[in-house]
Amino acid sequence: FGSFDQGQLQRGFQVYKEVCSACHSMKLVAFRNLAEP
């Protein structure tokens, strides 16, 4: 019955974008996935 916390996912994406994306790719995820339910 668990579900993702949208606020946490947005913060996690911010950490990925500002820190992790300098070295790590995310080739299987599309931008549009960020707006999906």
All heavy atoms as atom14 arrays in JSON, in Angstrom:
{
  "sequence": "FGSFDQGQLQRGFQVYKEVCSACHSMKLVAFRNLAEP",
  "atom14_mask": [
    [1, 1, 1, 1, 1, 1, 1, 1, 1, 1, 1, 0, 0, 0],
    [1, 1, 1, 1, 0, 0, 0, 0, 0, 0, 0, 0, 0, 0],
    [1, 1, 1, 1, 1, 1, 0, 0, 0, 0, 0, 0, 0, 0],
    [1, 1, 1, 1, 1, 1, 1, 1, 1, 1, 1, 0, 0, 0],
    [1, 1, 1, 1, 1, 1, 1, 1, 0, 0, 0, 0, 0, 0],
    [1, 1, 1, 1, 1, 1, 1, 1, 1, 0, 0, 0, 0, 0],
    [1, 1, 1, 1, 0, 0, 0, 0, 0, 0, 0, 0, 0, 0],
    [1, 1, 1, 1, 1, 1, 1, 1, 1, 0, 0, 0, 0, 0],
    [1, 1, 1, 1, 1, 1, 1, 1, 0, 0, 0, 0, 0, 0],
    [1, 1, 1, 1, 1, 1, 1, 1, 1, 0, 0, 0, 0, 0],
    [1, 1, 1, 1, 1, 1, 1, 1, 1, 1, 1, 0, 0, 0],
    [1, 1, 1, 1, 0, 0, 0, 0, 0, 0, 0, 0, 0, 0],
    [1, 1, 1, 1, 1, 1, 1, 1, 1, 1, 1, 0, 0, 0],
    [1, 1, 1, 1, 1, 1, 1, 1, 1, 0, 0, 0, 0, 0],
    [1, 1, 1, 1, 1, 1, 1, 0, 0, 0, 0, 0, 0, 0],
    [1, 1, 1, 1, 1, 1, 1, 1, 1, 1, 1, 1, 0, 0],
    [1, 1, 1, 1, 1, 1, 1, 1, 1, 0, 0, 0, 0, 0],
    [1, 1, 1, 1, 1, 1, 1, 1, 1, 0, 0, 0, 0, 0],
    [1, 1, 1, 1, 1, 1, 1, 0, 0, 0, 0, 0, 0, 0],
    [1, 1, 1, 1, 1, 1, 0, 0, 0, 0, 0, 0, 0, 0],
    [1, 1, 1, 1, 1, 1, 0, 0, 0, 0, 0, 0, 0, 0],
    [1, 1, 1, 1, 1, 0, 0, 0, 0, 0, 0, 0, 0, 0],
    [1, 1, 1, 1, 1, 1, 0, 0, 0, 0, 0, 0, 0, 0],
    [1, 1, 1, 1, 1, 1, 1, 1, 1, 1, 0, 0, 0, 0],
    [1, 1, 1, 1, 1, 1, 0, 0, 0, 0, 0, 0, 0, 0],
    [1, 1, 1, 1, 1, 1, 1, 1, 0, 0, 0, 0, 0, 0],
    [1, 1, 1, 1, 1, 1, 1, 1, 1, 0, 0, 0, 0, 0],
    [1, 1, 1, 1, 1, 1, 1, 1, 0, 0, 0, 0, 0, 0],
    [1, 1, 1, 1, 1, 1, 1, 0, 0, 0, 0, 0, 0, 0],
    [1, 1, 1, 1, 1, 0, 0, 0, 0, 0, 0, 0, 0, 0],
    [1, 1, 1, 1, 1, 1, 1, 1, 1, 1, 1, 0, 0, 0],
    [1, 1, 1, 1, 1, 1, 1, 1, 1, 1, 1, 0, 0, 0],
    [1, 1, 1, 1, 1, 1, 1, 1, 0, 0, 0, 0, 0, 0],
    [1, 1, 1, 1, 1, 1, 1, 1, 0, 0, 0, 0, 0, 0],
    [1, 1, 1, 1, 1, 0, 0, 0, 0, 0, 0, 0, 0, 0],
    [1, 1, 1, 1, 1, 1, 1, 1, 1, 0, 0, 0, 0, 0],
    [1, 1, 1, 1, 1, 1, 1, 0, 0, 0, 0, 0, 0, 0]
  ],
  "atom14_positions": [
    [[0.81, -1.21, 0.0], [0.0, 0.0, 0.0], [0.85, 1.28, 0.0], [0.31, 2.37, 0.11], [-0.92, 0.01, 1.22], [-1.85, -1.18, 1.28], [-1.57, -2.24, 2.13], [-2.97, -1.25, 0.47], [-2.41, -3.35, 2.19], [-3.81, -2.35, 0.52], [-3.53, -3.41, 1.38], [0.0, 0.0, 0.0], [0.0, 0.0, 0.0], [0.0, 0.0, 0.0]],
    [[2.16, 1.15, -0.13], [3.01, 2.32, -0.11], [2.91, 3.14, -1.39], [2.51, 2.64, -2.45], [0.0, 0.0, 0.0], [0.0, 0.0, 0.0], [0.0, 0.0, 0.0], [0.0, 0.0, 0.0], [0.0, 0.0, 0.0], [0.0, 0.0, 0.0], [0.0, 0.0, 0.0], [0.0, 0.0, 0.0], [0.0, 0.0, 0.0], [0.0, 0.0, 0.0]],
    [[3.29, 4.41, -1.31], [3.27, 5.29, -2.47], [4.42, 6.28, -2.37], [4.89, 6.6, -1.27], [1.94, 6.02, -2.59], [1.72, 6.84, -1.45], [0.0, 0.0, 0.0], [0.0, 0.0, 0.0], [0.0, 0.0, 0.0], [0.0, 0.0, 0.0], [0.0, 0.0, 0.0], [0.0, 0.0, 0.0], [0.0, 0.0, 0.0], [0.0, 0.0, 0.0]],
    [[4.86, 6.78, -3.51], [5.95, 7.74, -3.54], [5.5, 9.07, -2.96], [4.36, 9.5, -3.13], [6.44, 7.95, -4.97], [7.27, 6.82, -5.51], [6.84, 6.07, -6.58], [8.5, 6.51, -4.94], [7.6, 5.02, -7.08], [9.28, 5.47, -5.43], [8.82, 4.73, -6.5], [0.0, 0.0, 0.0], [0.0, 0.0, 0.0], [0.0, 0.0, 0.0]],
    [[6.42, 9.73, -2.29], [6.21, 11.08, -1.78], [6.69, 12.05, -2.87], [7.88, 12.11, -3.17], [7.02, 11.27, -0.49], [6.88, 12.66, 0.1], [6.42, 13.58, -0.6], [7.23, 12.83, 1.29], [0.0, 0.0, 0.0], [0.0, 0.0, 0.0], [0.0, 0.0, 0.0], [0.0, 0.0, 0.0], [0.0, 0.0, 0.0], [0.0, 0.0, 0.0]],
    [[5.74, 12.8, -3.47], [6.11, 13.68, -4.57], [7.17, 14.69, -4.17], [8.09, 14.98, -4.94], [4.88, 14.41, -5.11], [3.99, 13.56, -6.0], [2.93, 14.39, -6.72], [2.71, 15.55, -6.4], [2.27, 13.78, -7.68], [0.0, 0.0, 0.0], [0.0, 0.0, 0.0], [0.0, 0.0, 0.0], [0.0, 0.0, 0.0], [0.0, 0.0, 0.0]],
    [[7.02, 15.25, -2.96], [8.01, 16.21, -2.51], [9.39, 15.61, -2.42], [10.39, 16.23, -2.81], [0.0, 0.0, 0.0], [0.0, 0.0, 0.0], [0.0, 0.0, 0.0], [0.0, 0.0, 0.0], [0.0, 0.0, 0.0], [0.0, 0.0, 0.0], [0.0, 0.0, 0.0], [0.0, 0.0, 0.0], [0.0, 0.0, 0.0], [0.0, 0.0, 0.0]],
    [[9.48, 14.38, -1.93], [10.78, 13.72, -1.83], [11.35, 13.43, -3.21], [12.56, 13.58, -3.44], [10.65, 12.42, -1.03], [11.99, 11.74, -0.79], [11.89, 10.54, 0.12], [11.05, 9.66, -0.09], [12.75, 10.49, 1.14], [0.0, 0.0, 0.0], [0.0, 0.0, 0.0], [0.0, 0.0, 0.0], [0.0, 0.0, 0.0], [0.0, 0.0, 0.0]],
    [[10.5, 13.01, -4.15], [10.98, 12.74, -5.5], [11.51, 14.02, -6.15], [12.53, 13.99, -6.85], [9.87, 12.14, -6.36], [9.39, 10.75, -5.98], [8.37, 10.24, -7.0], [10.55, 9.76, -5.86], [0.0, 0.0, 0.0], [0.0, 0.0, 0.0], [0.0, 0.0, 0.0], [0.0, 0.0, 0.0], [0.0, 0.0, 0.0], [0.0, 0.0, 0.0]],
    [[10.84, 15.14, -5.93], [11.31, 16.39, -6.5], [12.64, 16.81, -5.88], [13.54, 17.29, -6.58], [10.26, 17.48, -6.31], [9.01, 17.26, -7.15], [8.02, 18.41, -7.04], [8.32, 19.45, -6.44], [6.83, 18.24, -7.61], [0.0, 0.0, 0.0], [0.0, 0.0, 0.0], [0.0, 0.0, 0.0], [0.0, 0.0, 0.0], [0.0, 0.0, 0.0]],
    [[12.77, 16.62, -4.57], [14.05, 16.94, -3.94], [15.15, 15.99, -4.44], [16.29, 16.42, -4.67], [13.93, 16.85, -2.42], [12.99, 17.87, -1.8], [13.15, 17.9, -0.28], [12.94, 16.61, 0.35], [11.77, 16.15, 0.77], [10.68, 16.88, 0.62], [11.67, 14.97, 1.37], [0.0, 0.0, 0.0], [0.0, 0.0, 0.0], [0.0, 0.0, 0.0]],
    [[14.81, 14.72, -4.59], [15.79, 13.77, -5.09], [16.23, 14.09, -6.5], [17.42, 13.96, -6.84], [0.0, 0.0, 0.0], [0.0, 0.0, 0.0], [0.0, 0.0, 0.0], [0.0, 0.0, 0.0], [0.0, 0.0, 0.0], [0.0, 0.0, 0.0], [0.0, 0.0, 0.0], [0.0, 0.0, 0.0], [0.0, 0.0, 0.0], [0.0, 0.0, 0.0]],
    [[15.3, 14.52, -7.33], [15.66, 14.94, -8.69], [16.57, 16.16, -8.64], [17.52, 16.28, -9.44], [14.42, 15.24, -9.51], [14.72, 15.81, -10.86], [15.41, 15.08, -11.81], [14.33, 17.1, -11.19], [15.71, 15.61, -13.06], [14.63, 17.64, -12.42], [15.32, 16.89, -13.37], [0.0, 0.0, 0.0], [0.0, 0.0, 0.0], [0.0, 0.0, 0.0]],
    [[16.31, 17.05, -7.72], [17.16, 18.24, -7.58], [18.59, 17.84, -7.21], [19.56, 18.37, -7.77], [16.59, 19.18, -6.51], [17.38, 20.47, -6.35], [16.8, 21.38, -5.27], [15.74, 21.11, -4.7], [17.5, 22.46, -4.98], [0.0, 0.0, 0.0], [0.0, 0.0, 0.0], [0.0, 0.0, 0.0], [0.0, 0.0, 0.0], [0.0, 0.0, 0.0]],
    [[18.73, 16.87, -6.29], [20.07, 16.39, -5.92], [20.74, 15.73, -7.12], [21.94, 15.96, -7.39], [19.98, 15.42, -4.73], [21.36, 14.81, -4.44], [19.45, 16.12, -3.49], [0.0, 0.0, 0.0], [0.0, 0.0, 0.0], [0.0, 0.0, 0.0], [0.0, 0.0, 0.0], [0.0, 0.0, 0.0], [0.0, 0.0, 0.0], [0.0, 0.0, 0.0]],
    [[19.98, 14.91, -7.85], [20.55, 14.26, -9.04], [21.0, 15.32, -10.04], [22.12, 15.25, -10.57], [19.54, 13.33, -9.69], [19.98, 12.9, -11.07], [21.0, 11.97, -11.23], [19.42, 13.47, -12.22], [21.44, 11.6, -12.49], [19.85, 13.11, -13.48], [20.85, 12.18, -13.62], [21.3, 11.82, -14.87], [0.0, 0.0, 0.0], [0.0, 0.0, 0.0]],
    [[20.16, 16.29, -10.31], [20.45, 17.29, -11.34], [21.65, 18.16, -10.96], [22.51, 18.46, -11.8], [19.22, 18.17, -11.58], [19.33, 19.18, -12.72], [18.0, 19.85, -12.96], [18.07, 20.83, -14.13], [18.93, 21.98, -13.86], [0.0, 0.0, 0.0], [0.0, 0.0, 0.0], [0.0, 0.0, 0.0], [0.0, 0.0, 0.0], [0.0, 0.0, 0.0]],
    [[21.73, 18.56, -9.69], [22.78, 19.48, -9.27], [24.09, 18.79, -8.9], [25.15, 19.44, -8.92], [22.29, 20.32, -8.09], [21.12, 21.23, -8.42], [20.72, 22.12, -7.25], [21.51, 22.24, -6.29], [19.61, 22.68, -7.29], [0.0, 0.0, 0.0], [0.0, 0.0, 0.0], [0.0, 0.0, 0.0], [0.0, 0.0, 0.0], [0.0, 0.0, 0.0]],
    [[24.03, 17.52, -8.55], [25.24, 16.83, -8.07], [25.57, 15.61, -8.93], [26.65, 15.54, -9.55], [25.07, 16.39, -6.59], [26.34, 15.7, -6.1], [24.75, 17.59, -5.71], [0.0, 0.0, 0.0], [0.0, 0.0, 0.0], [0.0, 0.0, 0.0], [0.0, 0.0, 0.0], [0.0, 0.0, 0.0], [0.0, 0.0, 0.0], [0.0, 0.0, 0.0]],
    [[24.67, 14.67, -8.99], [24.98, 13.37, -9.57], [25.1, 13.38, -11.09], [25.86, 12.61, -11.67], [23.93, 12.34, -9.17], [23.52, 12.34, -7.42], [0.0, 0.0, 0.0], [0.0, 0.0, 0.0], [0.0, 0.0, 0.0], [0.0, 0.0, 0.0], [0.0, 0.0, 0.0], [0.0, 0.0, 0.0], [0.0, 0.0, 0.0], [0.0, 0.0, 0.0]],
    [[24.32, 14.25, -11.76], [24.27, 14.22, -13.22], [25.58, 14.64, -13.86], [25.77, 14.46, -15.07], [23.13, 15.11, -13.73], [23.35, 16.46, -13.37], [0.0, 0.0, 0.0], [0.0, 0.0, 0.0], [0.0, 0.0, 0.0], [0.0, 0.0, 0.0], [0.0, 0.0, 0.0], [0.0, 0.0, 0.0], [0.0, 0.0, 0.0], [0.0, 0.0, 0.0]],
    [[26.5, 15.21, -13.09], [27.8, 15.57, -13.63], [28.6, 14.34, -14.05], [29.47, 14.43, -14.93], [28.6, 16.38, -12.61], [0.0, 0.0, 0.0], [0.0, 0.0, 0.0], [0.0, 0.0, 0.0], [0.0, 0.0, 0.0], [0.0, 0.0, 0.0], [0.0, 0.0, 0.0], [0.0, 0.0, 0.0], [0.0, 0.0, 0.0], [0.0, 0.0, 0.0]],
    [[28.3, 13.19, -13.45], [29.04, 11.96, -13.76], [28.13, 10.82, -14.21], [28.54, 9.97, -15.01], [29.83, 11.5, -12.54], [31.11, 12.66, -11.99], [0.0, 0.0, 0.0], [0.0, 0.0, 0.0], [0.0, 0.0, 0.0], [0.0, 0.0, 0.0], [0.0, 0.0, 0.0], [0.0, 0.0, 0.0], [0.0, 0.0, 0.0], [0.0, 0.0, 0.0]],
    [[26.91, 10.76, -13.67], [26.04, 9.61, -13.89], [24.94, 9.93, -14.9], [24.25, 10.94, -14.78], [25.4, 9.16, -12.58], [26.38, 8.62, -11.59], [26.75, 7.3, -11.55], [27.1, 9.24, -10.61], [27.63, 7.11, -10.58], [27.85, 8.28, -9.99], [0.0, 0.0, 0.0], [0.0, 0.0, 0.0], [0.0, 0.0, 0.0], [0.0, 0.0, 0.0]],
    [[24.77, 9.04, -15.85], [23.71, 9.17, -16.84], [22.42, 8.56, -16.3], [22.41, 7.89, -15.27], [24.12, 8.47, -18.14], [24.35, 7.08, -17.9], [0.0, 0.0, 0.0], [0.0, 0.0, 0.0], [0.0, 0.0, 0.0], [0.0, 0.0, 0.0], [0.0, 0.0, 0.0], [0.0, 0.0, 0.0], [0.0, 0.0, 0.0], [0.0, 0.0, 0.0]],
    [[21.34, 8.8, -17.02], [20.04, 8.21, -16.71], [19.33, 7.97, -18.05], [18.31, 8.56, -18.37], [19.24, 9.14, -15.79], [18.12, 8.45, -15.05], [17.53, 9.4, -13.62], [17.08, 10.95, -14.39], [0.0, 0.0, 0.0], [0.0, 0.0, 0.0], [0.0, 0.0, 0.0], [0.0, 0.0, 0.0], [0.0, 0.0, 0.0], [0.0, 0.0, 0.0]],
    [[19.92, 7.08, -18.83], [19.58, 6.93, -20.23], [18.19, 6.36, -20.5], [17.65, 6.54, -21.6], [20.62, 6.04, -20.93], [22.05, 6.57, -20.87], [23.02, 5.59, -21.5], [24.46, 6.09, -21.4], [25.42, 5.11, -21.97], [0.0, 0.0, 0.0], [0.0, 0.0, 0.0], [0.0, 0.0, 0.0], [0.0, 0.0, 0.0], [0.0, 0.0, 0.0]],
    [[17.61, 5.66, -19.55], [16.33, 4.99, -19.79], [15.13, 5.83, -19.34], [14.0, 5.38, -19.48], [16.3, 3.63, -19.09], [17.4, 2.65, -19.49], [17.22, 1.33, -18.75], [17.39, 2.41, -21.0], [0.0, 0.0, 0.0], [0.0, 0.0, 0.0], [0.0, 0.0, 0.0], [0.0, 0.0, 0.0], [0.0, 0.0, 0.0], [0.0, 0.0, 0.0]],
    [[15.38, 7.0, -18.8], [14.3, 7.85, -18.29], [14.12, 9.04, -19.23], [15.09, 9.72, -19.58], [14.6, 8.35, -16.86], [13.47, 9.24, -16.35], [14.8, 7.15, -15.93], [0.0, 0.0, 0.0], [0.0, 0.0, 0.0], [0.0, 0.0, 0.0], [0.0, 0.0, 0.0], [0.0, 0.0, 0.0], [0.0, 0.0, 0.0], [0.0, 0.0, 0.0]],
    [[12.88, 9.29, -19.65], [12.57, 10.43, -20.51], [12.08, 11.6, -19.66], [11.55, 11.42, -18.56], [11.51, 10.03, -21.54], [0.0, 0.0, 0.0], [0.0, 0.0, 0.0], [0.0, 0.0, 0.0], [0.0, 0.0, 0.0], [0.0, 0.0, 0.0], [0.0, 0.0, 0.0], [0.0, 0.0, 0.0], [0.0, 0.0, 0.0], [0.0, 0.0, 0.0]],
    [[12.23, 12.79, -20.19], [11.76, 13.98, -19.48], [10.27, 13.87, -19.17], [9.81, 14.26, -18.09], [12.03, 15.24, -20.32], [13.49, 15.56, -20.48], [14.11, 15.39, -21.71], [14.25, 16.03, -19.42], [15.45, 15.69, -21.88], [15.59, 16.33, -19.57], [16.19, 16.16, -20.82], [0.0, 0.0, 0.0], [0.0, 0.0, 0.0], [0.0, 0.0, 0.0]],
    [[9.49, 13.35, -20.1], [8.05, 13.28, -19.92], [7.65, 12.39, -18.76], [6.54, 12.53, -18.21], [7.38, 12.79, -21.2], [7.74, 11.36, -21.59], [7.15, 10.97, -22.93], [7.58, 9.64, -23.33], [7.36, 9.14, -24.55], [6.73, 9.86, -25.45], [7.78, 7.93, -24.85], [0.0, 0.0, 0.0], [0.0, 0.0, 0.0], [0.0, 0.0, 0.0]],
    [[8.53, 11.45, -18.37], [8.22, 10.59, -17.23], [8.03, 11.39, -15.95], [7.31, 10.97, -15.04], [9.32, 9.55, -17.01], [9.44, 8.55, -18.15], [10.52, 8.18, -18.56], [8.31, 8.09, -18.68], [0.0, 0.0, 0.0], [0.0, 0.0, 0.0], [0.0, 0.0, 0.0], [0.0, 0.0, 0.0], [0.0, 0.0, 0.0], [0.0, 0.0, 0.0]],
    [[8.68, 12.56, -15.88], [8.58, 13.4, -14.68], [7.18, 13.95, -14.47], [6.84, 14.38, -13.36], [9.57, 14.56, -14.76], [11.06, 14.19, -14.81], [11.9, 15.42, -15.09], [11.5, 13.53, -13.51], [0.0, 0.0, 0.0], [0.0, 0.0, 0.0], [0.0, 0.0, 0.0], [0.0, 0.0, 0.0], [0.0, 0.0, 0.0], [0.0, 0.0, 0.0]],
    [[6.35, 13.95, -15.52], [5.0, 14.48, -15.42], [3.94, 13.38, -15.37], [2.74, 13.68, -15.3], [4.71, 15.42, -16.59], [0.0, 0.0, 0.0], [0.0, 0.0, 0.0], [0.0, 0.0, 0.0], [0.0, 0.0, 0.0], [0.0, 0.0, 0.0], [0.0, 0.0, 0.0], [0.0, 0.0, 0.0], [0.0, 0.0, 0.0], [0.0, 0.0, 0.0]],
    [[4.35, 12.13, -15.4], [3.39, 11.03, -15.41], [2.85, 10.76, -14.01], [3.53, 11.04, -13.01], [4.04, 9.77, -15.98], [4.39, 9.89, -17.46], [5.09, 8.66, -17.99], [5.54, 7.82, -17.16], [5.22, 8.52, -19.22], [0.0, 0.0, 0.0], [0.0, 0.0, 0.0], [0.0, 0.0, 0.0], [0.0, 0.0, 0.0], [0.0, 0.0, 0.0]],
    [[1.62, 10.22, -13.91], [1.06, 9.91, -12.6], [1.96, 8.95, -11.81], [2.57, 8.04, -12.37], [-0.28, 9.24, -12.95], [-0.63, 9.75, -14.31], [0.69, 9.92, -15.02], [0.0, 0.0, 0.0], [0.0, 0.0, 0.0], [0.0, 0.0, 0.0], [0.0, 0.0, 0.0], [0.0, 0.0, 0.0], [0.0, 0.0, 0.0], [0.0, 0.0, 0.0]]
  ]
}
